[in-house]
């Protein structure tokens, strides 16, 4: 035992170097081990996000497009309007195959997906029958089938299966994130341990090699310089008056680094490095304090981006549901859209201007508003190219203003009124066609991700407006057709009545003509009898006159 201790003391440098080498080898091995854990868990998180996206796509894309496609076809009888549904139907099996293969990698049973696939195919068959009914103009059957709302049953089945998949993937992702964070923490702890072990070991080696005060002083100077270079530089002049103070500063910096890392590991991104300020921040860009601070900022940024991504996705999901629930009525759709967006964006005022056409000209009409003041509300019609809203429609680009024109609008409350600090005007476009303009006013400035969310939400609104407008036009045409049919029926009935009256009049005229002919014959017969009677009376009178004349002659001759 004494020989072993003597051997170690005589080769202390070699022993320490060997120890450090072993420590480095172990450090490298653990780093590679943690790296493999990080890579594996990153892969699991990406796969979980992909599965979540594909699961949501079954409703957000496939079911939504099938539903819109058959409704549009039922209204317009246009195969192009049905093409989104056909595209979605063709991708059903591929989507289920990819999703089933992905969840199988994570050990999830794919049997419920097969049942859901069958539900989708049954719905596709049902949609095919609806299309046939619409194609042969059997609209009563089509509407009856539409009222069954088979899509809701598919959605309920999807929610039952999809929620389990999403919960499974969420748990798996959370576990992967925990292992990922643990691996990152292990690396950090390993580096700290390496520093804690390596630096004292190095100091001991130097102390053994340098046995005088100058050498120890040089070692302290080097240690302080290394502290400033690799851990923290306070920005003060380098003075070695108290060797103990140098060591205490080093320990304090390491403790502070450890606490800083622990705070970050616990998600406390507001942690600050003591004495690190504007005066010395440039001196600490590449040392441990600077790198930990940069790492904190990066993690804060990642957290912000994740929160913004979740905010955007959640908002779009809720907004698409709102649009889908009110897409059959333009007034309800407009009111719900502006109410939801204004509140979700944290704005104080909002207005939705919908494109209208009248006598061949187009203009923008205020379809719905949220908390507009009276003066602003009066301006319901805006011509194309006039004002900020009309110009935004003409250019088709988003307008973001942080300095509003004087008197443009005011945000009012019971306490008074104030000029908004930010105004955003976004054209709501679908297939590069602007269907509406949304205007939001807020006391706070809108962030870029909020504007991007607003532009994305505008696609949903524009698509729904196109659908509503198409539905309204078809309803107007249908109403006009029904009105014309009723008018034709009324005209036909009136003509039939006039014809009957004309026939009755003709029959009455015929009867009167016959009566006149009969009366004329009777009158002629009476006239003949009277004439004959007159002739006979005249003859009798003439005979009497002749007889009287003869009698007078005879009497005259007798005298």
Protein backbone atom coordinates (compact mmCIF):
# COMPACT_ATOMS: atom_id res chain seq x y z
CA UNK A 1 0.00 0.00 0.00
CA UNK A 2 2.85 2.37 0.87
CA UNK A 3 4.54 1.54 -2.41
CA UNK A 4 1.33 2.37 -4.27
CA UNK A 5 0.97 5.73 -2.50
CA UNK A 6 4.64 6.48 -3.19
CA UNK A 7 4.13 5.60 -6.85
CA UNK A 8 1.12 7.89 -7.08
CA UNK A 9 2.86 10.80 -5.39
CA UNK A 10 5.81 10.40 -7.69
CA UNK A 11 3.62 10.37 -10.78
CA UNK A 12 0.89 12.70 -9.62
CA UNK A 13 0.92 14.64 -12.87
CA UNK A 14 0.54 11.47 -14.94
CA UNK A 15 -2.22 10.26 -12.64
CA UNK A 16 -4.08 13.56 -12.89
CA UNK A 17 -3.65 13.65 -16.66
CA UNK A 18 -4.91 10.10 -16.87
CA UNK A 19 -7.84 11.01 -14.66
CA UNK A 20 -8.66 14.04 -16.79
CA UNK A 21 -8.31 11.93 -19.93
CA UNK A 22 -10.71 9.34 -18.55
CA UNK A 23 -13.04 12.16 -17.57
CA UNK A 24 -12.86 13.57 -21.09
CA UNK A 25 -13.49 10.15 -22.62
CA UNK A 26 -16.47 9.62 -20.33
CA UNK A 27 -17.61 13.14 -21.13
CA UNK A 28 -17.39 12.50 -24.88
CA UNK A 29 -19.20 9.16 -24.53
CA UNK A 30 -21.97 10.74 -22.51
CA UNK A 31 -22.19 13.62 -24.97
CA UNK A 32 -22.66 11.19 -27.86
CA UNK A 33 -25.14 9.21 -25.77
CA UNK A 34 -27.13 12.34 -24.98
CA UNK A 35 -26.90 13.41 -28.60
CA UNK A 36 -28.47 10.12 -29.70
CA UNK A 37 -31.24 10.69 -27.15
CA UNK A 38 -31.78 14.22 -28.44
CA UNK A 39 -31.85 13.07 -32.09
CA UNK A 40 -34.23 10.21 -31.32
CA UNK A 41 -36.62 12.39 -29.34
CA UNK A 42 -36.49 15.14 -31.97
CA UNK A 43 -37.54 12.51 -34.51
CA UNK A 44 -40.38 11.37 -32.24
CA UNK A 45 -41.57 14.97 -31.79
CA UNK A 46 -41.49 15.60 -35.55
CA UNK A 47 -43.39 12.37 -36.17
CA UNK A 48 -45.93 13.29 -33.50
CA UNK A 49 -46.45 16.70 -35.10
CA UNK A 50 -46.86 15.01 -38.49
CA UNK A 51 -49.41 12.54 -37.09
CA UNK A 52 -51.27 15.39 -35.39
CA UNK A 53 -51.29 17.34 -38.66
CA UNK A 54 -52.50 14.34 -40.67
CA UNK A 55 -55.18 13.52 -38.11
CA UNK A 56 -56.51 17.09 -38.15
CA UNK A 57 -56.26 17.15 -41.97
CA UNK A 58 -58.88 14.39 -42.17
CA UNK A 59 -61.38 16.99 -40.99
CA UNK A 60 -59.79 20.31 -41.87
CA UNK A 61 -59.11 19.34 -45.50
CA UNK A 62 -60.74 16.05 -46.49
CA UNK A 63 -64.14 16.22 -44.79
CA UNK A 64 -64.41 19.99 -45.24
CA UNK A 65 -63.71 19.81 -49.00
CA UNK A 66 -66.10 16.86 -49.50
CA UNK A 67 -68.85 18.72 -47.65
CA UNK A 68 -68.30 22.00 -49.53
CA UNK A 69 -67.92 20.21 -52.86
CA UNK A 70 -71.24 18.34 -52.72
CA UNK A 71 -73.08 21.45 -51.45
CA UNK A 72 -71.63 23.55 -54.27
CA UNK A 73 -72.45 20.87 -56.85
CA UNK A 74 -75.99 20.56 -55.52
CA UNK A 75 -76.47 24.28 -56.03
CA UNK A 76 -74.65 24.89 -59.34
CA UNK A 77 -74.59 21.43 -61.03
CA UNK A 78 -71.02 22.32 -62.00
CA UNK A 79 -68.40 19.56 -62.01
CA UNK A 80 -65.66 22.12 -61.33
CA UNK A 81 -67.32 22.99 -58.03
CA UNK A 82 -67.21 19.29 -57.15
CA UNK A 83 -63.50 18.92 -57.96
CA UNK A 84 -62.30 19.73 -54.39
CA UNK A 85 -64.46 16.89 -53.13
CA UNK A 86 -63.09 14.51 -55.77
CA UNK A 87 -59.52 15.46 -54.87
CA UNK A 88 -60.22 14.88 -51.18
CA UNK A 89 -61.90 11.51 -51.91
CA UNK A 90 -58.93 10.32 -53.98
CA UNK A 91 -56.57 11.13 -51.10
CA UNK A 92 -58.58 9.33 -48.38
CA UNK A 93 -56.86 5.93 -48.68
CA UNK A 94 -53.41 7.49 -49.02
CA UNK A 95 -54.04 9.67 -45.95
CA UNK A 96 -55.22 6.70 -43.88
CA UNK A 97 -52.35 4.51 -45.06
CA UNK A 98 -49.77 7.16 -44.13
CA UNK A 99 -51.45 7.83 -40.79
CA UNK A 100 -51.75 4.14 -39.97
CA UNK A 101 -48.11 3.50 -40.87
CA UNK A 102 -46.99 6.50 -38.78
CA UNK A 103 -48.94 5.53 -35.64
CA UNK A 104 -47.78 1.93 -36.05
CA UNK A 105 -44.18 3.14 -35.70
CA UNK A 106 -45.15 4.54 -32.30
CA UNK A 107 -46.82 1.26 -31.30
CA UNK A 108 -50.41 2.48 -31.63
CA UNK A 109 -53.12 0.01 -32.75
CA UNK A 110 -54.38 0.99 -36.21
CA UNK A 111 -57.66 -0.99 -36.03
CA UNK A 112 -59.80 2.08 -35.09
CA UNK A 113 -58.37 3.85 -38.12
CA UNK A 114 -59.68 1.08 -40.37
CA UNK A 115 -63.15 1.54 -38.85
CA UNK A 116 -62.85 5.29 -39.42
CA UNK A 117 -61.67 4.64 -43.01
CA UNK A 118 -64.86 2.57 -43.55
CA UNK A 119 -66.95 5.43 -42.15
CA UNK A 120 -65.28 7.81 -44.63
CA UNK A 121 -65.92 5.40 -47.53
CA UNK A 122 -69.56 5.01 -46.47
CA UNK A 123 -69.84 8.76 -46.47
CA UNK A 124 -68.21 8.93 -49.92
CA UNK A 125 -70.77 6.40 -51.21
CA UNK A 126 -73.53 8.51 -49.68
CA UNK A 127 -72.08 11.63 -51.32
CA UNK A 128 -72.02 9.76 -54.66
CA UNK A 129 -75.74 9.06 -54.35
CA UNK A 130 -76.35 12.73 -53.48
CA UNK A 131 -74.43 13.76 -56.58
CA UNK A 132 -76.55 11.45 -58.72
CA UNK A 133 -79.73 12.92 -57.23
CA UNK A 134 -78.50 16.43 -57.94
CA UNK A 135 -77.46 15.45 -61.49
CA UNK A 136 -81.01 14.25 -62.32
CA UNK A 137 -82.53 17.34 -60.61
CA UNK A 138 -84.04 15.29 -57.82
CA UNK A 139 -83.51 18.19 -55.45
CA UNK A 140 -86.10 17.08 -52.92
CA UNK A 141 -84.20 13.84 -52.40
CA UNK A 142 -80.92 15.75 -52.43
CA UNK A 143 -82.11 18.18 -49.74
CA UNK A 144 -83.48 15.33 -47.66
CA UNK A 145 -80.12 13.54 -47.86
CA UNK A 146 -78.34 16.82 -47.11
CA UNK A 147 -80.47 17.32 -43.99
CA UNK A 148 -79.25 13.97 -42.65
CA UNK A 149 -75.84 15.67 -42.17
CA UNK A 150 -73.81 12.51 -42.56
CA UNK A 151 -70.70 14.66 -42.37
CA UNK A 152 -71.46 15.34 -38.70
CA UNK A 153 -71.56 11.61 -38.01
CA UNK A 154 -68.20 11.23 -39.74
CA UNK A 155 -66.85 14.12 -37.67
CA UNK A 156 -68.12 12.51 -34.44
CA UNK A 157 -66.44 9.23 -35.38
CA UNK A 158 -63.26 11.13 -36.28
CA UNK A 159 -63.40 12.96 -32.96
CA UNK A 160 -63.72 9.65 -31.10
CA UNK A 161 -60.78 8.05 -32.92
CA UNK A 162 -58.72 11.18 -33.52
CA UNK A 163 -58.88 12.40 -29.94
CA UNK A 164 -57.35 9.13 -28.75
CA UNK A 165 -54.61 9.38 -31.35
CA UNK A 166 -53.96 13.03 -30.50
CA UNK A 167 -53.88 12.28 -26.78
CA UNK A 168 -51.52 9.34 -27.38
CA UNK A 169 -49.24 11.49 -29.53
CA UNK A 170 -49.41 14.37 -27.05
CA UNK A 171 -48.29 12.09 -24.23
CA UNK A 172 -45.60 10.58 -26.44
CA UNK A 173 -44.42 14.03 -27.48
CA UNK A 174 -44.42 15.24 -23.87
CA UNK A 175 -42.36 12.22 -22.88
CA UNK A 176 -39.97 12.84 -25.77
CA UNK A 177 -39.67 16.51 -24.82
CA UNK A 178 -38.95 15.52 -21.22
CA UNK A 179 -36.24 13.09 -22.33
CA UNK A 180 -34.90 15.73 -24.72
CA UNK A 181 -34.77 18.32 -21.97
CA UNK A 182 -33.20 15.78 -19.62
CA UNK A 183 -30.50 15.04 -22.18
CA UNK A 184 -29.85 18.77 -22.65
CA UNK A 185 -29.67 19.23 -18.89
CA UNK A 186 -27.33 16.25 -18.56
CA UNK A 187 -25.02 17.82 -21.09
CA UNK A 188 -25.09 21.09 -19.20
CA UNK A 189 -24.50 19.36 -15.89
CA UNK A 190 -21.72 17.33 -17.46
CA UNK A 191 -20.01 20.46 -18.69
CA UNK A 192 -20.37 22.08 -15.30
CA UNK A 193 -19.00 18.99 -13.60
CA UNK A 194 -16.17 18.96 -16.10
CA UNK A 195 -15.42 22.57 -15.30
CA UNK A 196 -15.71 21.99 -11.57
CA UNK A 197 -13.38 19.02 -11.75
CA UNK A 198 -11.08 20.18 -14.52
CA UNK A 199 -10.29 23.64 -13.27
CA UNK A 200 -9.31 22.61 -9.70
CA UNK A 201 -7.33 19.71 -11.15
CA UNK A 202 -5.54 22.05 -13.49
CA UNK A 203 -4.92 24.42 -10.60
CA UNK A 204 -3.52 21.61 -8.51
CA UNK A 205 -1.20 20.53 -11.30
CA UNK A 206 0.02 24.08 -11.79
CA UNK A 207 0.40 24.49 -8.02
CA UNK A 208 2.53 21.40 -7.87
CA UNK A 209 4.67 22.63 -10.76
CA UNK A 210 4.93 26.18 -9.44
CA UNK A 211 5.86 26.31 -5.79
CA UNK A 212 6.57 29.93 -5.36
CA UNK A 213 4.39 32.96 -4.86
CA UNK A 214 5.01 34.40 -8.32
CA UNK A 215 3.98 31.22 -9.95
CA UNK A 216 0.93 30.99 -7.73
CA UNK A 217 0.19 34.62 -8.50
CA UNK A 218 0.51 33.92 -12.21
CA UNK A 219 -1.83 30.98 -11.76
CA UNK A 220 -4.38 33.22 -10.05
CA UNK A 221 -4.03 35.81 -12.76
CA UNK A 222 -4.56 33.10 -15.35
CA UNK A 223 -7.52 31.76 -13.42
CA UNK A 224 -9.12 35.20 -13.20
CA UNK A 225 -8.50 35.80 -16.86
CA UNK A 226 -10.06 32.45 -17.68
CA UNK A 227 -12.99 33.28 -15.45
CA UNK A 228 -13.46 36.49 -17.39
CA UNK A 229 -12.87 34.83 -20.73
CA UNK A 230 -14.93 31.68 -20.29
CA UNK A 231 -17.37 32.43 -17.45
CA UNK A 232 -17.97 36.11 -16.72
CA UNK A 233 -16.10 39.38 -17.25
CA UNK A 234 -17.31 42.15 -14.92
CA UNK A 235 -15.52 44.79 -17.02
CA UNK A 236 -13.35 46.04 -14.17
CA UNK A 237 -9.53 46.26 -14.22
CA UNK A 238 -7.66 43.02 -13.50
CA UNK A 239 -6.16 43.26 -9.97
CA UNK A 240 -4.87 40.31 -7.93
CA UNK A 241 -4.69 41.73 -4.43
CA UNK A 242 -6.28 38.81 -2.62
CA UNK A 243 -5.84 35.29 -4.00
CA UNK A 244 -8.76 34.11 -1.90
CA UNK A 245 -11.02 36.68 -3.50
CA UNK A 246 -10.10 35.35 -6.95
CA UNK A 247 -11.07 31.82 -5.96
CA UNK A 248 -14.28 33.02 -4.34
CA UNK A 249 -15.18 34.97 -7.48
CA UNK A 250 -14.59 31.88 -9.56
CA UNK A 251 -16.75 29.76 -7.28
CA UNK A 252 -19.41 32.45 -7.21
CA UNK A 253 -19.46 32.60 -11.01
CA UNK A 254 -19.79 28.83 -11.26
CA UNK A 255 -22.56 28.83 -8.68
CA UNK A 256 -24.30 31.60 -10.54
CA UNK A 257 -23.92 29.64 -13.80
CA UNK A 258 -25.39 26.57 -12.09
CA UNK A 259 -28.35 28.56 -10.73
CA UNK A 260 -28.83 30.24 -14.09
CA UNK A 261 -28.94 26.86 -15.85
CA UNK A 262 -31.33 25.45 -13.26
CA UNK A 263 -33.68 28.42 -13.72
CA UNK A 264 -33.64 27.97 -17.47
CA UNK A 265 -34.21 24.23 -17.07
CA UNK A 266 -37.24 25.04 -14.90
CA UNK A 267 -38.60 27.34 -17.60
CA UNK A 268 -37.79 30.58 -15.74
CA UNK A 269 -36.66 32.59 -18.75
CA UNK A 270 -36.66 35.83 -16.76
CA UNK A 271 -33.49 34.72 -14.92
CA UNK A 272 -30.70 37.31 -15.06
CA UNK A 273 -26.92 37.02 -14.66
CA UNK A 274 -25.95 39.28 -11.79
CA UNK A 275 -23.75 42.28 -12.69
CA UNK A 276 -24.25 41.66 -16.42
CA UNK A 277 -25.39 44.94 -17.93
CA UNK A 278 -25.02 47.32 -20.84
CA UNK A 279 -21.53 48.39 -19.73
CA UNK A 280 -20.00 44.90 -19.97
CA UNK A 281 -22.34 42.93 -22.22
CA UNK A 282 -19.98 43.33 -25.18
CA UNK A 283 -17.18 41.72 -23.11
CA UNK A 284 -19.27 38.62 -22.40
CA UNK A 285 -20.52 37.69 -25.85
CA UNK A 286 -18.40 34.50 -26.16
CA UNK A 287 -18.00 33.35 -22.55
CA UNK A 288 -20.32 31.18 -20.47
CA UNK A 289 -22.39 34.10 -19.17
CA UNK A 290 -22.92 35.45 -22.68
CA UNK A 291 -23.68 32.04 -24.17
CA UNK A 292 -26.10 31.17 -21.38
CA UNK A 293 -27.78 34.53 -21.83
CA UNK A 294 -28.00 33.95 -25.58
CA UNK A 295 -29.34 30.45 -24.94
CA UNK A 296 -31.97 31.94 -22.64
CA UNK A 297 -32.99 34.43 -25.33
CA UNK A 298 -33.14 31.66 -27.93
CA UNK A 299 -35.29 29.53 -25.64
CA UNK A 300 -37.50 32.53 -24.94
CA UNK A 301 -37.81 33.10 -28.67
CA UNK A 302 -38.58 29.42 -29.26
CA UNK A 303 -41.23 29.55 -26.54
CA UNK A 304 -42.71 32.72 -28.05
CA UNK A 305 -42.76 31.16 -31.50
CA UNK A 306 -44.35 28.01 -30.12
CA UNK A 307 -46.96 30.04 -28.27
CA UNK A 308 -47.64 32.08 -31.40
CA UNK A 309 -47.88 28.91 -33.50
CA UNK A 310 -50.30 27.38 -31.02
CA UNK A 311 -52.22 30.67 -30.88
CA UNK A 312 -52.47 30.75 -34.66
CA UNK A 313 -53.46 27.08 -35.02
CA UNK A 314 -56.02 27.27 -32.24
CA UNK A 315 -57.45 30.49 -33.65
CA UNK A 316 -57.73 29.08 -37.17
CA UNK A 317 -59.39 25.92 -35.85
CA UNK A 318 -61.98 27.87 -33.86
CA UNK A 319 -62.43 30.38 -36.68
CA UNK A 320 -62.96 27.70 -39.34
CA UNK A 321 -65.59 26.12 -37.09
CA UNK A 322 -67.30 29.52 -36.72
CA UNK A 323 -67.27 30.05 -40.49
CA UNK A 324 -68.56 26.54 -41.15
CA UNK A 325 -71.44 26.97 -38.68
CA UNK A 326 -72.66 30.23 -40.25
CA UNK A 327 -71.72 29.90 -43.92
CA UNK A 328 -75.34 29.70 -45.11
CA UNK A 329 -76.29 33.22 -44.06
CA UNK A 330 -74.24 36.27 -45.07
CA UNK A 331 -75.44 38.51 -42.23
CA UNK A 332 -74.79 35.92 -39.52
CA UNK A 333 -71.46 35.00 -41.08
CA UNK A 334 -70.34 38.63 -41.20
CA UNK A 335 -71.33 39.36 -37.60
CA UNK A 336 -69.72 36.19 -36.23
CA UNK A 337 -66.54 36.72 -38.24
CA UNK A 338 -65.94 40.31 -37.14
CA UNK A 339 -66.88 39.52 -33.52
CA UNK A 340 -64.53 36.53 -33.32
CA UNK A 341 -61.56 38.15 -35.07
CA UNK A 342 -61.80 41.44 -33.18
CA UNK A 343 -61.85 39.67 -29.85
CA UNK A 344 -59.23 37.09 -30.74
CA UNK A 345 -56.86 39.74 -32.09
CA UNK A 346 -57.32 41.85 -28.94
CA UNK A 347 -58.51 44.78 -31.04
CA UNK A 348 -61.00 47.41 -29.91
CA UNK A 349 -62.76 48.09 -33.21
CA UNK A 350 -63.42 46.06 -36.32
CA UNK A 351 -65.33 46.30 -39.57
CA UNK A 352 -66.02 43.85 -42.41
CA UNK A 353 -66.59 45.36 -45.88
CA UNK A 354 -68.05 42.92 -48.42
CA UNK A 355 -67.76 43.32 -52.19
CA UNK A 356 -71.08 44.20 -53.81
CA UNK A 357 -72.15 44.74 -57.44
CA UNK A 358 -74.91 47.04 -58.61
CA UNK A 359 -75.76 48.12 -62.17
CA UNK A 360 -72.47 46.69 -63.44
CA UNK A 361 -70.30 48.58 -60.93
CA UNK A 362 -68.59 47.22 -57.82
CA UNK A 363 -68.32 48.79 -54.37
CA UNK A 364 -67.58 47.79 -50.78
CA UNK A 365 -70.37 47.70 -48.22
CA UNK A 366 -70.01 47.57 -44.44
CA UNK A 367 -71.56 44.18 -43.73
CA UNK A 368 -70.75 43.97 -40.01
CA UNK A 369 -68.90 46.00 -37.40
CA UNK A 370 -67.64 45.71 -33.84
CA UNK A 371 -67.58 48.74 -31.51
CA UNK A 372 -67.46 51.31 -34.37
CA UNK A 373 -68.33 54.85 -33.35
CA UNK A 374 -71.44 56.46 -34.86
CA UNK A 375 -69.58 58.58 -37.46
CA UNK A 376 -67.59 55.63 -38.70
CA UNK A 377 -70.66 53.42 -38.81
CA UNK A 378 -72.52 55.83 -41.10
CA UNK A 379 -69.98 55.29 -43.89
CA UNK A 380 -71.47 51.98 -45.04
CA UNK A 381 -70.61 52.24 -48.75
CA UNK A 382 -67.07 52.76 -50.02
CA UNK A 383 -66.22 53.05 -53.68
CA UNK A 384 -63.31 51.07 -55.13
CA UNK A 385 -60.05 53.02 -54.84
CA UNK A 386 -61.52 55.59 -52.43
CA UNK A 387 -59.93 55.91 -49.00
CA UNK A 388 -57.69 53.43 -47.25
CA UNK A 389 -60.18 50.58 -47.59
CA UNK A 390 -60.95 51.18 -51.26
CA UNK A 391 -57.23 51.51 -52.03
CA UNK A 392 -56.45 48.30 -50.13
CA UNK A 393 -59.00 46.46 -52.26
CA UNK A 394 -57.54 47.95 -55.43
CA UNK A 395 -53.96 47.00 -54.54
CA UNK A 396 -54.84 43.67 -52.93
CA UNK A 397 -52.17 44.17 -50.26
CA UNK A 398 -52.29 44.39 -46.46
CA UNK A 399 -52.04 47.89 -45.00
CA UNK A 400 -50.57 48.37 -41.51
CA UNK A 401 -50.58 51.87 -40.04
CA UNK A 402 -49.13 52.97 -36.70
CA UNK A 403 -49.91 56.63 -37.31
CA UNK A 404 -53.56 57.13 -38.29
CA UNK A 405 -54.89 60.10 -40.30
CA UNK A 406 -56.32 62.84 -38.11
CA UNK A 407 -59.95 62.09 -37.21
CA UNK A 408 -60.00 58.74 -39.04
CA UNK A 409 -61.62 56.93 -36.09
CA UNK A 410 -61.76 56.94 -32.30
CA UNK A 411 -61.99 54.21 -29.69
CA UNK A 412 -64.66 55.25 -27.23
CA UNK A 413 -65.65 54.02 -23.79
CA UNK A 414 -67.47 55.27 -20.75
CA UNK A 415 -64.29 57.03 -19.66
CA UNK A 416 -63.77 58.92 -22.91
CA UNK A 417 -62.22 58.35 -26.31
CA UNK A 418 -58.73 57.77 -27.74
CA UNK A 419 -57.06 57.55 -31.14
CA UNK A 420 -56.00 53.96 -32.01
CA UNK A 421 -52.28 53.25 -31.98
CA UNK A 422 -52.46 50.79 -34.87
CA UNK A 423 -54.73 50.08 -37.83
CA UNK A 424 -54.60 47.04 -40.09
CA UNK A 425 -56.56 46.61 -43.32
CA UNK A 426 -56.42 43.13 -44.86
CA UNK A 427 -57.96 42.05 -48.20
CA UNK A 428 -59.69 38.68 -47.77
CA UNK A 429 -58.77 36.74 -50.89
CA UNK A 430 -59.55 33.30 -52.21
CA UNK A 431 -58.03 32.09 -55.47
CA UNK A 432 -56.41 35.55 -55.86
CA UNK A 433 -59.83 37.24 -55.83
CA UNK A 434 -60.66 39.75 -53.10
CA UNK A 435 -64.11 39.11 -51.67
CA UNK A 436 -64.02 41.41 -48.65
CA UNK A 437 -61.88 43.84 -46.63
CA UNK A 438 -61.45 43.60 -42.87
CA UNK A 439 -60.34 46.62 -40.85
CA UNK A 440 -59.17 46.39 -37.23
CA UNK A 441 -58.13 49.19 -34.91
CA UNK A 442 -56.25 48.70 -31.65
CA UNK A 443 -54.51 50.72 -29.02
CA UNK A 444 -51.55 48.31 -29.30
CA UNK A 445 -49.52 47.51 -32.39
CA UNK A 446 -50.36 44.30 -34.24
CA UNK A 447 -47.48 41.83 -34.45
CA UNK A 448 -46.42 40.20 -37.72
CA UNK A 449 -47.77 36.80 -36.68
CA UNK A 450 -51.14 38.39 -35.90
CA UNK A 451 -51.26 39.98 -39.35
CA UNK A 452 -50.29 36.62 -40.90
CA UNK A 453 -53.09 34.96 -38.92
CA UNK A 454 -55.52 37.59 -40.16
CA UNK A 455 -54.48 37.00 -43.79
CA UNK A 456 -54.85 33.24 -43.38
CA UNK A 457 -58.24 33.63 -41.73
CA UNK A 458 -59.22 35.86 -44.64
CA UNK A 459 -58.94 32.87 -46.98
CA UNK A 460 -61.60 31.04 -44.94
CA UNK A 461 -63.89 34.07 -45.01
CA UNK A 462 -63.40 34.73 -48.73
CA UNK A 463 -64.13 31.09 -49.54
CA UNK A 464 -67.27 31.16 -47.40
CA UNK A 465 -68.39 34.48 -48.94
CA UNK A 466 -68.01 33.01 -52.41
CA UNK A 467 -70.11 30.07 -51.30
CA UNK A 468 -72.74 32.29 -49.67
CA UNK A 469 -72.84 34.61 -52.67
CA UNK A 470 -73.24 31.67 -55.02
CA UNK A 471 -75.98 30.23 -52.83
CA UNK A 472 -77.80 33.58 -52.71
CA UNK A 473 -77.60 33.97 -56.49
CA UNK A 474 -78.97 30.47 -56.98
CA UNK A 475 -81.73 31.21 -54.47
CA UNK A 476 -82.58 34.46 -56.29
CA UNK A 477 -82.67 32.63 -59.61
CA UNK A 478 -84.81 29.90 -58.08
CA UNK A 479 -87.16 32.47 -56.53
CA UNK A 480 -87.39 34.38 -59.84
CA UNK A 481 -88.09 31.16 -61.69
CA UNK A 482 -90.80 30.22 -59.21
CA UNK A 483 -92.29 33.72 -59.43
CA UNK A 484 -92.32 33.56 -63.25
CA UNK A 485 -93.93 30.14 -63.09
CA UNK A 486 -96.66 31.47 -60.77
CA UNK A 487 -97.19 34.50 -63.03
CA UNK A 488 -97.48 32.23 -66.08
CA UNK A 489 -99.98 30.07 -64.22
CA UNK A 490 -102.01 33.14 -63.22
CA UNK A 491 -101.91 34.45 -66.81
CA UNK A 492 -102.98 31.06 -68.13
CA UNK A 493 -105.87 30.95 -65.65
CA UNK A 494 -106.92 34.47 -66.62
CA UNK A 495 -106.80 33.57 -70.33
CA UNK A 496 -108.84 30.44 -69.62
CA UNK A 497 -111.45 32.51 -67.78
CA UNK A 498 -111.50 35.11 -70.59
CA UNK A 499 -111.91 32.30 -73.14
CA UNK A 500 -114.81 30.85 -71.17
CA UNK A 501 -116.40 34.31 -70.92
CA UNK A 502 -115.86 34.81 -74.67
CA UNK A 503 -117.47 31.46 -75.42
CA UNK A 504 -120.38 32.30 -73.14
CA UNK A 505 -120.72 35.69 -74.87
CA UNK A 506 -120.66 34.04 -78.32
CA UNK A 507 -123.32 31.53 -77.24
CA UNK A 508 -125.48 34.37 -75.88
CA UNK A 509 -125.02 36.28 -79.15
CA UNK A 510 -126.03 33.18 -81.13
CA UNK A 511 -129.12 32.78 -78.98
CA UNK A 512 -130.02 36.48 -79.41
CA UNK A 513 -129.44 36.21 -83.19
CA UNK A 514 -131.76 33.20 -83.35
CA UNK A 515 -134.34 35.11 -81.27
CA UNK A 516 -134.05 38.11 -83.63
CA UNK A 517 -134.43 35.85 -86.69
CA UNK A 518 -137.53 34.25 -85.14
CA UNK A 519 -138.99 37.65 -84.23
CA UNK A 520 -138.17 38.91 -87.75
CA UNK A 521 -140.02 35.94 -89.32
CA UNK A 522 -142.99 36.49 -87.02
CA UNK A 523 -143.03 40.18 -87.89
CA UNK A 524 -142.86 39.37 -91.64
CA UNK A 525 -145.70 36.86 -91.21
CA UNK A 526 -147.83 39.47 -89.40
CA UNK A 527 -146.95 42.05 -92.07
CA UNK A 528 -148.08 39.64 -94.85
CA UNK A 529 -151.36 38.98 -93.03
CA UNK A 530 -151.97 42.69 -92.53
CA UNK A 531 -151.16 43.41 -96.17
CA UNK A 532 -153.51 40.65 -97.35
CA UNK A 533 -156.22 41.90 -95.04
CA UNK A 534 -155.70 45.45 -96.32
CA UNK A 535 -155.79 44.25 -99.93
CA UNK A 536 -159.01 42.39 -99.39
CA UNK A 537 -160.58 45.37 -97.59
CA UNK A 538 -159.47 47.65 -100.40
CA UNK A 539 -160.98 45.33 -103.01
CA UNK A 540 -164.26 45.23 -101.10
CA UNK A 541 -164.31 49.01 -100.86
CA UNK A 542 -163.58 49.33 -104.61
CA UNK A 543 -166.33 46.88 -105.44
CA UNK A 544 -168.76 48.80 -103.21
CA UNK A 545 -167.70 52.05 -104.85
CA UNK A 546 -168.23 50.54 -108.30
CA UNK A 547 -171.58 49.20 -107.27
CA UNK A 548 -172.57 52.58 -105.83
CA UNK A 549 -171.39 54.34 -108.99
CA UNK A 550 -173.38 51.95 -111.14
CA UNK A 551 -176.42 52.46 -108.99
CA UNK A 552 -176.03 56.22 -109.35
CA UNK A 553 -175.83 55.96 -113.14
CA UNK A 554 -178.86 53.79 -113.26
CA UNK A 555 -180.77 56.22 -111.12
CA UNK A 556 -179.62 59.12 -113.30
CA UNK A 557 -180.63 57.39 -116.49
CA UNK A 558 -184.03 56.49 -115.02
CA UNK A 559 -184.78 60.07 -114.32
